[in-house]
Protein backbone atom coordinates (compact mmCIF):
# COMPACT_ATOMS: atom_id res chain seq x y z
CA UNK A 1 88.12 36.07 182.21
CA UNK A 2 88.55 32.39 183.02
CA UNK A 3 87.49 31.22 179.56
CA UNK A 4 90.02 33.54 177.96
CA UNK A 5 92.74 32.18 180.22
CA UNK A 6 91.77 28.59 179.43
CA UNK A 7 91.83 29.39 175.73
CA UNK A 8 95.17 31.15 176.08
CA UNK A 9 96.91 28.20 177.79
CA UNK A 10 97.12 25.93 174.69
CA UNK A 11 98.18 28.88 172.54
CA UNK A 12 100.90 29.95 174.97
CA UNK A 13 101.95 26.33 175.43
CA UNK A 14 102.19 25.78 171.67
CA UNK A 15 104.11 28.98 171.06
CA UNK A 16 106.49 28.32 173.93
CA UNK A 17 107.03 24.75 172.79
CA UNK A 18 107.67 25.80 169.19
CA UNK A 19 110.02 28.58 170.24
CA UNK A 20 112.03 26.42 172.59
CA UNK A 21 112.01 23.55 170.09
CA UNK A 22 113.43 25.80 167.39
CA UNK A 23 116.05 27.18 169.76
CA UNK A 24 117.06 23.75 171.01
CA UNK A 25 117.28 22.47 167.45
CA UNK A 26 120.14 24.86 166.75
CA UNK A 27 121.42 26.01 170.12
CA UNK A 28 123.58 22.95 170.69
CA UNK A 29 125.15 23.30 167.25
CA UNK A 30 125.59 27.05 167.72
CA UNK A 31 127.40 26.47 171.00
CA UNK A 32 129.55 23.81 169.36
CA UNK A 33 130.25 25.97 166.28
CA UNK A 34 131.19 28.91 168.48
CA UNK A 35 133.55 26.72 170.51
CA UNK A 36 135.15 25.25 167.38
CA UNK A 37 135.61 28.66 165.76
CA UNK A 38 137.17 30.09 168.90
CA UNK A 39 139.52 27.12 169.24
CA UNK A 40 140.42 27.23 165.52
CA UNK A 41 141.11 30.96 165.68
CA UNK A 42 143.22 30.55 168.82
CA UNK A 43 145.21 27.66 167.33
CA UNK A 44 145.68 29.48 164.01
CA UNK A 45 147.09 32.50 165.79
CA UNK A 46 149.31 30.31 167.96
CA UNK A 47 150.61 28.42 164.89
CA UNK A 48 151.36 31.64 163.06
CA UNK A 49 153.12 33.01 166.12
CA UNK A 50 155.11 29.79 166.54
CA UNK A 51 156.19 29.79 162.89
CA UNK A 52 157.26 33.43 163.01
CA UNK A 53 159.23 32.76 166.18
CA UNK A 54 161.05 29.79 164.66
CA UNK A 55 161.77 31.66 161.42
CA UNK A 56 163.11 34.67 163.31
CA UNK A 57 165.28 32.40 165.43
CA UNK A 58 166.65 30.70 162.28
CA UNK A 59 167.39 34.07 160.66
CA UNK A 60 169.22 35.16 163.79
CA UNK A 61 171.31 31.97 163.89
CA UNK A 62 172.19 32.30 160.19
CA UNK A 63 173.19 35.92 160.69
CA UNK A 64 175.41 34.96 163.65
CA UNK A 65 176.94 32.12 161.64
CA UNK A 66 177.76 34.45 158.74
CA UNK A 67 179.27 36.99 161.11
CA UNK A 68 181.38 34.30 162.80
CA UNK A 69 182.77 32.92 159.52
CA UNK A 70 183.54 36.35 158.08
CA UNK A 71 185.02 37.43 161.41
CA UNK A 72 187.44 34.46 161.47
CA UNK A 73 188.48 35.11 157.84
CA UNK A 74 188.90 38.82 158.49
CA UNK A 75 191.10 38.05 161.53
CA UNK A 76 193.21 35.70 159.41
CA UNK A 77 193.48 38.25 156.57
CA UNK A 78 194.87 40.74 159.06
CA UNK A 79 197.68 38.27 159.99
CA UNK A 80 196.32 36.62 163.17
CA UNK A 81 195.62 32.92 163.26
CA UNK A 82 192.17 32.18 164.73
CA UNK A 83 192.29 30.22 167.98
CA UNK A 84 196.08 30.45 168.69
CA UNK A 85 196.39 34.20 168.09
CA UNK A 86 199.86 33.76 166.50
CA UNK A 87 200.98 36.04 163.72
CA UNK A 88 201.03 34.69 160.18
CA UNK A 89 202.07 36.30 156.93
CA UNK A 90 200.49 35.48 153.56
CA UNK A 91 202.32 36.70 150.43
CA UNK A 92 199.23 36.40 148.22
CA UNK A 93 195.55 35.54 148.20
CA UNK A 94 196.11 31.91 147.19
CA UNK A 95 198.26 31.20 150.27
CA UNK A 96 195.64 32.90 152.47
CA UNK A 97 192.88 30.70 151.04
CA UNK A 98 195.04 27.56 151.30
CA UNK A 99 195.66 28.20 155.00
CA UNK A 100 192.01 28.98 155.76
CA UNK A 101 190.37 26.12 153.83
CA UNK A 102 192.88 23.62 155.20
CA UNK A 103 191.55 24.19 158.71
CA UNK A 104 187.84 25.06 158.15
CA UNK A 105 185.00 22.56 157.73
CA UNK A 106 181.59 23.80 156.51
CA UNK A 107 178.76 23.73 159.02
CA UNK A 108 175.28 22.34 158.29
CA UNK A 109 173.86 23.89 155.12
CA UNK A 110 177.00 25.93 154.57
CA UNK A 111 179.21 26.39 151.50
CA UNK A 112 182.66 28.07 151.70
CA UNK A 113 183.90 29.47 148.40
CA UNK A 114 187.21 31.07 147.34
CA UNK A 115 187.85 32.96 144.08
CA UNK A 116 191.31 34.11 142.94
CA UNK A 117 191.40 36.51 139.99
CA UNK A 118 187.90 35.40 139.04
CA UNK A 119 188.72 31.69 139.11
CA UNK A 120 187.08 29.24 141.52
CA UNK A 121 189.91 27.71 143.53
CA UNK A 122 188.11 26.45 146.64
CA UNK A 123 184.58 25.04 146.96
CA UNK A 124 183.81 23.32 150.27
CA UNK A 125 180.12 22.44 150.68
CA UNK A 126 178.20 20.57 153.40
CA UNK A 127 176.05 17.70 152.10
CA UNK A 128 172.94 19.80 152.82
CA UNK A 129 174.39 22.75 150.89
CA UNK A 130 174.98 23.43 147.15
CA UNK A 131 178.32 23.62 145.32
CA UNK A 132 179.39 26.91 143.80
CA UNK A 133 179.53 25.22 140.41
CA UNK A 134 175.74 24.85 140.59
CA UNK A 135 175.27 28.57 141.22
CA UNK A 136 176.53 30.24 138.05
CA UNK A 137 174.40 33.36 138.28
CA UNK A 138 175.11 33.88 141.97
CA UNK A 139 178.88 33.37 141.53
CA UNK A 140 178.89 35.86 138.63
CA UNK A 141 177.20 38.38 140.94
CA UNK A 142 179.54 37.73 143.87
CA UNK A 143 182.59 38.35 141.65
CA UNK A 144 181.30 41.87 140.95
CA UNK A 145 181.21 42.80 144.67
CA UNK A 146 183.96 45.29 145.68
CA UNK A 147 183.30 45.58 149.44
CA UNK A 148 182.02 43.43 152.29
CA UNK A 149 178.39 42.53 151.50
CA UNK A 150 175.72 40.40 153.20
CA UNK A 151 172.43 39.52 151.54
CA UNK A 152 169.91 36.99 150.31
CA UNK A 153 169.39 35.52 146.86
CA UNK A 154 166.96 33.08 145.32
CA UNK A 155 168.56 30.23 143.40
CA UNK A 156 167.40 27.06 141.76
CA UNK A 157 168.28 25.31 145.04
CA UNK A 158 166.20 27.70 147.05
CA UNK A 159 167.02 30.67 149.22
CA UNK A 160 170.68 31.36 150.03
CA UNK A 161 172.03 33.74 152.67
CA UNK A 162 175.55 34.91 151.90
CA UNK A 163 178.42 37.15 152.89
CA UNK A 164 181.15 38.24 150.39
CA UNK A 165 184.59 39.39 151.54
CA UNK A 166 186.77 40.92 148.74
CA UNK A 167 190.52 40.65 149.44
CA UNK A 168 193.72 41.74 147.53
CA UNK A 169 197.31 40.66 148.23
CA UNK A 170 200.56 40.08 146.29
CA UNK A 171 199.09 41.31 143.04
CA UNK A 172 196.11 38.95 143.34
CA UNK A 173 192.48 39.78 143.94
CA UNK A 174 190.07 37.36 145.48
CA UNK A 175 186.60 36.90 146.90
CA UNK A 176 185.79 34.86 149.96
CA UNK A 177 182.10 33.81 150.04
CA UNK A 178 180.13 32.16 152.82
CA UNK A 179 176.79 30.82 151.49
CA UNK A 180 174.20 29.23 153.81
CA UNK A 181 171.21 27.30 152.49
CA UNK A 182 168.48 27.15 155.22
CA UNK A 183 166.19 24.86 153.26
CA UNK A 184 166.72 21.94 155.63
CA UNK A 185 165.93 24.05 158.69
CA UNK A 186 162.99 25.63 156.88
CA UNK A 187 161.67 22.18 155.98
CA UNK A 188 162.04 21.13 159.62
CA UNK A 189 160.11 24.22 160.70
CA UNK A 190 157.32 23.54 158.21
CA UNK A 191 157.19 19.90 159.29
CA UNK A 192 156.93 20.96 162.93
CA UNK A 193 154.14 23.40 162.07
CA UNK A 194 152.29 20.68 160.15
CA UNK A 195 152.64 18.27 163.07
CA UNK A 196 151.45 20.92 165.47
CA UNK A 197 148.50 21.75 163.21
CA UNK A 198 147.59 18.06 163.04
CA UNK A 199 147.71 17.81 166.81
CA UNK A 200 145.57 20.90 167.14
CA UNK A 201 143.00 19.55 164.69
CA UNK A 202 142.81 16.39 166.76
CA UNK A 203 142.44 18.55 169.87
CA UNK A 204 139.61 20.51 168.23
CA UNK A 205 137.82 17.30 167.25
CA UNK A 206 138.14 15.85 170.74
CA UNK A 207 137.14 19.15 172.36
CA UNK A 208 134.16 19.40 169.99
CA UNK A 209 132.99 15.93 170.91
CA UNK A 210 133.33 16.70 174.62
CA UNK A 211 131.68 20.09 174.11
CA UNK A 212 128.81 18.48 172.23
CA UNK A 213 128.17 16.09 175.09
CA UNK A 214 128.52 18.80 177.73
CA UNK A 215 126.25 21.15 175.78
CA UNK A 216 123.64 18.41 175.69
CA UNK A 217 123.85 18.00 179.46
CA UNK A 218 123.70 21.74 180.03
CA UNK A 219 120.70 22.11 177.71
CA UNK A 220 118.89 19.09 179.12
CA UNK A 221 116.76 21.22 181.50
CA UNK A 222 115.74 23.41 178.56
CA UNK A 223 114.84 20.34 176.52
CA UNK A 224 112.80 19.06 179.42
CA UNK A 225 111.20 22.48 179.66
CA UNK A 226 110.18 22.35 176.00
CA UNK A 227 108.82 18.81 176.31
CA UNK A 228 106.91 19.71 179.45
CA UNK A 229 105.52 22.83 177.78
CA UNK A 230 104.27 20.75 174.86
CA UNK A 231 102.57 18.27 177.19
CA UNK A 232 100.91 20.83 179.43
CA UNK A 233 97.19 21.31 179.02
CA UNK A 234 94.67 23.43 180.86
CA UNK A 235 93.53 20.32 182.72
CA UNK A 236 96.99 19.02 183.67
CA UNK A 237 99.44 21.46 185.20
CA UNK A 238 101.04 18.90 187.51
CA UNK A 239 104.09 18.14 185.36
CA UNK A 240 107.45 19.40 186.58
CA UNK A 241 110.99 19.49 185.20
CA UNK A 242 113.68 17.59 187.12
CA UNK A 243 116.23 20.10 188.42
CA UNK A 244 119.82 19.11 189.08
CA UNK A 245 122.55 21.54 189.99
CA UNK A 246 122.57 25.30 190.37
CA UNK A 247 123.65 26.46 186.90
CA UNK A 248 121.72 28.95 184.76
CA UNK A 249 119.76 26.28 182.87
CA UNK A 250 118.75 24.65 186.15
CA UNK A 251 117.65 28.03 187.48
CA UNK A 252 115.48 28.49 184.37
CA UNK A 253 113.93 25.07 184.95
CA UNK A 254 113.33 25.88 188.62
CA UNK A 255 111.71 29.20 187.70
CA UNK A 256 109.53 27.41 185.15
CA UNK A 257 108.45 24.89 187.80
CA UNK A 258 107.55 27.76 190.13
CA UNK A 259 105.52 29.36 187.34
CA UNK A 260 103.69 26.06 186.75
CA UNK A 261 102.94 25.78 190.46
CA UNK A 262 101.48 29.29 190.49
CA UNK A 263 99.44 28.56 187.37
CA UNK A 264 98.19 25.31 188.86
CA UNK A 265 97.07 27.08 192.03
CA UNK A 266 95.49 29.90 190.02
CA UNK A 267 93.56 27.55 187.73
CA UNK A 268 92.47 25.38 190.64
CA UNK A 269 91.21 28.48 192.43
CA UNK A 270 89.46 29.65 189.28
CA UNK A 271 87.77 26.30 188.71
CA UNK A 272 86.59 26.22 192.31
CA UNK A 273 85.46 29.81 192.03
CA UNK A 274 83.53 29.10 188.81
CA UNK A 275 81.95 25.98 190.25
CA UNK A 276 80.85 27.80 193.38
CA UNK A 277 79.66 30.86 191.44
CA UNK A 278 77.63 28.81 188.98
CA UNK A 279 76.09 26.86 191.84
CA UNK A 280 75.15 30.00 193.77
CA UNK A 281 73.79 31.79 190.71
CA UNK A 282 71.79 28.77 189.64
CA UNK A 283 69.56 28.94 192.72
CA UNK A 284 68.15 32.46 192.19
CA UNK A 285 67.82 31.78 188.46
CA UNK A 286 65.77 28.70 189.22
CA UNK A 287 63.58 30.69 191.61
CA UNK A 288 63.10 33.44 189.04
CA UNK A 289 62.21 30.99 186.27
CA UNK A 290 59.77 29.06 188.47
CA UNK A 291 57.92 32.14 189.63
CA UNK A 292 57.80 33.56 186.13
CA UNK A 293 56.02 30.40 185.06
CA UNK A 294 53.63 30.77 188.00
CA UNK A 295 52.75 34.31 186.98
CA UNK A 296 51.12 33.00 183.82
CA UNK A 297 48.81 30.88 185.96
CA UNK A 298 48.12 33.47 188.68
CA UNK A 299 45.10 35.79 188.24
CA UNK A 300 45.07 37.31 191.74
CA UNK A 301 46.67 40.79 191.55
CA UNK A 302 48.00 40.53 195.10
CA UNK A 303 49.69 37.21 194.41
CA UNK A 304 51.15 38.57 191.18
CA UNK A 305 52.47 41.60 193.09
CA UNK A 306 54.01 39.28 195.69
CA UNK A 307 55.69 37.28 192.91
CA UNK A 308 57.04 40.46 191.31
CA UNK A 309 58.40 41.57 194.68
CA UNK A 310 60.09 38.19 195.18
CA UNK A 311 61.56 38.29 191.66
CA UNK A 312 62.89 41.80 192.23
CA UNK A 313 64.45 40.70 195.49
CA UNK A 314 66.18 37.74 193.80
CA UNK A 315 67.45 39.97 191.01
CA UNK A 316 68.84 42.39 193.61
CA UNK A 317 70.57 39.50 195.35
CA UNK A 318 72.09 38.39 192.04
CA UNK A 319 73.29 41.95 191.42
CA UNK A 320 74.93 42.01 194.84
CA UNK A 321 76.55 38.66 194.14
CA UNK A 322 77.88 39.84 190.77
CA UNK A 323 79.29 43.02 192.36
CA UNK A 324 80.95 40.93 195.07
CA UNK A 325 82.39 38.59 192.46
CA UNK A 326 83.81 41.55 190.54
CA UNK A 327 85.37 42.90 193.74
CA UNK A 328 87.03 39.54 194.43
CA UNK A 329 88.26 39.38 190.82
CA UNK A 330 89.74 42.89 191.04
CA UNK A 331 91.53 41.91 194.26
CA UNK A 332 94.00 39.94 192.11
CA UNK A 333 94.93 43.00 190.07
CA UNK A 334 97.88 45.24 190.98
CA UNK A 335 95.68 48.37 190.85
CA UNK A 336 93.18 47.00 193.38
CA UNK A 337 94.55 49.36 196.04
CA UNK A 338 94.91 53.14 195.78
CA UNK A 339 97.45 53.70 198.55
CA UNK A 340 97.74 57.03 200.33
CA UNK A 341 98.46 58.31 203.82
CA UNK A 342 95.73 57.49 206.33
CA UNK A 343 95.37 58.92 209.84
CA UNK A 344 94.16 55.76 211.54
CA UNK A 345 92.64 57.53 214.53
CA UNK A 346 90.56 59.98 212.50
CA UNK A 347 89.64 57.24 210.00
CA UNK A 348 88.45 54.93 212.79
CA UNK A 349 86.14 57.65 214.15
CA UNK A 350 84.81 58.37 210.66
CA UNK A 351 84.09 54.71 209.81
CA UNK A 352 82.41 54.33 213.21
CA UNK A 353 80.04 57.17 212.38
CA UNK A 354 79.20 55.50 209.06
CA UNK A 355 78.61 52.11 210.65
CA UNK A 356 76.51 53.49 213.52
CA UNK A 357 73.67 54.44 211.17
CA UNK A 358 73.31 50.96 209.69
CA UNK A 359 70.94 49.69 212.33
CA UNK A 360 69.04 50.77 215.44
CA UNK A 361 71.21 49.20 218.10
CA UNK A 362 73.89 50.19 220.57
CA UNK A 363 77.13 51.13 218.84
CA UNK A 364 80.42 51.90 220.61
CA UNK A 365 83.70 53.42 219.45
CA UNK A 366 86.51 51.45 221.00
CA UNK A 367 90.21 52.28 221.02
CA UNK A 368 91.69 54.27 218.11
CA UNK A 369 95.29 53.86 217.03
CA UNK A 370 97.20 57.11 216.91
CA UNK A 371 99.44 56.74 213.85
CA UNK A 372 99.60 57.48 210.13
CA UNK A 373 99.97 54.62 207.67
CA UNK A 374 100.03 54.14 203.91
CA UNK A 375 96.94 52.18 202.91
CA UNK A 376 93.78 52.32 200.80
CA UNK A 377 91.30 54.17 202.98
CA UNK A 378 88.26 53.28 200.85
CA UNK A 379 89.06 49.56 200.77
CA UNK A 380 89.59 49.47 204.53
CA UNK A 381 86.30 51.31 204.98
CA UNK A 382 84.64 48.77 202.70
CA UNK A 383 86.02 45.92 204.81
CA UNK A 384 84.92 47.41 208.15
CA UNK A 385 81.48 48.28 206.82
CA UNK A 386 81.12 44.69 205.59
CA UNK A 387 82.01 43.43 209.07
CA UNK A 388 79.48 45.85 210.58
CA UNK A 389 76.76 44.69 208.15
CA UNK A 390 77.67 41.11 208.98
CA UNK A 391 77.26 41.85 212.70
CA UNK A 392 73.84 43.42 212.08
CA UNK A 393 72.62 40.56 209.90
CA UNK A 394 73.60 37.78 212.31
CA UNK A 395 72.58 39.38 215.61
CA UNK A 396 69.44 40.79 217.12
CA UNK A 397 68.76 44.46 217.75
CA UNK A 398 69.74 44.09 221.40
CA UNK A 399 73.32 43.12 220.56
CA UNK A 400 75.96 45.80 221.08
CA UNK A 401 78.59 46.35 218.33
CA UNK A 402 81.98 48.00 218.89
CA UNK A 403 84.32 49.38 216.22
CA UNK A 404 87.96 50.28 216.93
CA UNK A 405 91.65 50.05 216.07
CA UNK A 406 94.84 49.51 218.06
CA UNK A 407 98.49 48.59 217.72
CA UNK A 408 99.43 45.12 218.95
CA UNK A 409 103.08 44.21 218.66
CA UNK A 410 104.15 44.82 215.05
CA UNK A 411 100.60 44.90 213.64
CA UNK A 412 97.76 47.34 213.29
CA UNK A 413 94.53 45.66 214.40
CA UNK A 414 91.17 46.93 213.12
CA UNK A 415 88.24 45.17 214.78
CA UNK A 416 84.47 44.91 214.89
CA UNK A 417 83.21 43.15 218.03
CA UNK A 418 79.73 42.20 219.21
CA UNK A 419 78.36 40.61 222.38
CA UNK A 420 76.02 38.23 220.57
CA UNK A 421 76.06 34.42 220.60
CA UNK A 422 79.42 34.23 218.80
CA UNK A 423 80.68 31.80 216.16
CA UNK A 424 81.36 28.09 216.76
CA UNK A 425 85.03 27.11 216.67
CA UNK A 426 84.44 24.68 213.79
CA UNK A 427 83.15 27.56 211.63
CA UNK A 428 85.94 30.00 212.50
CA UNK A 429 88.38 28.46 210.01
CA UNK A 430 86.06 28.40 207.00
CA UNK A 431 83.99 31.52 207.58
CA UNK A 432 86.21 33.65 205.31
CA UNK A 433 85.93 31.20 202.41
CA UNK A 434 83.71 32.11 199.47
CA UNK A 435 80.01 31.28 199.66
CA UNK A 436 80.21 30.30 203.33
CA UNK A 437 77.38 31.72 205.41
CA UNK A 438 75.20 30.92 208.36
CA UNK A 439 72.39 28.51 207.66
CA UNK A 440 69.85 31.06 208.84
CA UNK A 441 71.08 33.74 206.47
CA UNK A 442 69.61 32.74 203.15
CA UNK A 443 69.72 36.28 201.81
CA UNK A 444 73.49 36.69 202.13
CA UNK A 445 75.68 36.13 199.10
CA UNK A 446 78.34 34.40 201.21
CA UNK A 447 81.04 36.63 199.73
CA UNK A 448 81.18 39.47 202.24
CA UNK A 449 83.82 38.00 204.54
CA UNK A 450 85.79 36.77 201.50
CA UNK A 451 86.00 40.40 200.37
CA UNK A 452 87.21 41.40 203.84
CA UNK A 453 89.91 38.71 203.64
CA UNK A 454 90.90 39.82 200.11
CA UNK A 455 91.30 43.45 201.23
CA UNK A 456 93.42 42.34 204.19
CA UNK A 457 95.57 40.15 201.92
CA UNK A 458 96.06 43.03 199.47
CA UNK A 459 97.50 45.09 202.36
CA UNK A 460 99.87 42.28 203.29
CA UNK A 461 97.78 41.18 206.28
CA UNK A 462 95.00 38.74 207.13
CA UNK A 463 91.52 38.56 208.61
CA UNK A 464 90.42 36.35 211.46
CA UNK A 465 87.62 35.85 213.98
CA UNK A 466 88.05 35.31 217.72
CA UNK A 467 85.84 35.08 220.78
CA UNK A 468 84.83 38.52 222.03
CA UNK A 469 85.38 39.82 225.54
CA UNK A 470 81.68 39.37 226.31
CA UNK A 471 81.38 35.98 224.63
CA UNK A 472 80.42 37.25 221.19
CA UNK A 473 82.46 37.40 217.97
CA UNK A 474 85.43 39.68 217.42
CA UNK A 475 86.41 40.08 213.77
CA UNK A 476 89.95 41.44 213.33
CA UNK A 477 91.93 42.73 210.36
CA UNK A 478 95.65 42.39 211.18
CA UNK A 479 97.96 44.54 209.04
CA UNK A 480 101.79 44.39 209.50
CA UNK A 481 103.16 47.84 210.23
CA UNK A 482 106.07 47.30 207.83
CA UNK A 483 103.68 46.70 204.92
CA UNK A 484 101.95 49.96 205.88
CA UNK A 485 105.21 51.93 205.68
CA UNK A 486 105.66 52.14 209.48
CA UNK A 487 108.52 50.69 211.49
CA UNK A 488 107.32 49.00 214.68
CA UNK A 489 110.02 50.86 216.62
CA UNK A 490 108.47 54.17 215.54
CA UNK A 491 105.15 53.32 217.25
CA UNK A 492 104.89 54.15 220.92
CA UNK A 493 103.50 51.64 223.38
CA UNK A 494 100.56 53.94 224.16
CA UNK A 495 99.82 54.52 220.47
CA UNK A 496 96.12 53.73 221.02
CA UNK A 497 93.57 55.58 223.04
CA UNK A 498 90.07 54.47 224.05
CA UNK A 499 86.89 56.29 223.20
CA UNK A 500 83.26 55.33 223.56
CA UNK A 501 80.11 56.60 221.91
CA UNK A 502 76.46 56.25 222.84
CA UNK A 503 74.08 54.15 220.83
CA UNK A 504 73.14 55.63 217.49
CA UNK A 505 69.69 54.26 216.68
CA UNK A 506 68.41 54.43 213.14
CA UNK A 507 64.73 54.25 212.35
């Protein structure tokens, strides 16, 4: 499994580096392009809205101006002087026009025109407007109008908004025309829109430059992540990405650093595990090879039988070691435990009965916790049986062994205790490490207590060794009640009861 992982690291590193490199090569530009497009679309809509608003306002002002001019002329035609309100009488159209044009001055872009019997008699135009003499086709049309009319025409001088007021008096017929040319105002509007567009383009350019810089700063952790991924090898997992801030990119970098830390620990553990495993397996292989060579030189049948027995024993020890290694490897998998409800009291009695036939010595059933938990019954049995085997292997036949369970505080404690010589304090810390065993126990694989620790860890707990009540060793598996699906408040203080059993000798 380790070789596959080591082989997979460069491949994963390369793929991750290539993927992030490709993304970073375009991500900054994509962010910038998105920003520019959004700004351009927003500004385009705002410009269009501004232009429509200004054009509508101009149309409204022109309409009001036409209505005001026609209203003043209409009031005068009815015999009331605008402003003073005095009554005036006009015998014909010419006198009416003379009075009106003598007092009226064209506004900006405005032309005031008077026709009497089809002849142009008055033509007052603002410098921004156009004289009636330059509008032959429009004047020909206006002379055909027989009632008040307001409209728009296109001329050689541009668009013209007009109002025509036909009038008859004293045997004369006339036409009063107000023509407004909005080209100056329209040019001012277009110039304002152009200026605004220029300002907005400058704003987009400045915003793009700022956005480009900011995008680079935001993506810096990702760039560092890609560079670090390219530099990582299966022998160097110590590199980390500098993390600044709490934004999303920084969180990605922090998560990547955490992943690297976990990988570093995992690979370090694997290397140590492989080194220790190869060292431990090398010894029996050396023994087997040496004795196989001796068999070729040995003619005594009894000596050959002894060598075969020794070889078989070494092979059995290697098989046990391989099985223990597989168990420790499976402990890292999520399906290592098959969790179900376990009656701790009944289970404790059952595992005691199994352990009591391991050896001909005095066995005792201690306290049994009276509660139901969610755990892997078989794995817990495996752990307790390993502790029981350990007690048998390291103690004489006169040593008493006790198996039990109890609730202590917020933990379920499963223990195997003996009254033998105990374990030195300097060995208590390392005894659960792999391939650690007593010097006198050359037949042990040194993995049994590591398996116990792995089972405890898988249940969210831990394993430890303490001094026993009679001076021996007390091995304990401490499992938090919460990790077993039990609230500490649901467990009564007297949730354990004590039982004892006579010795169960085995021949």
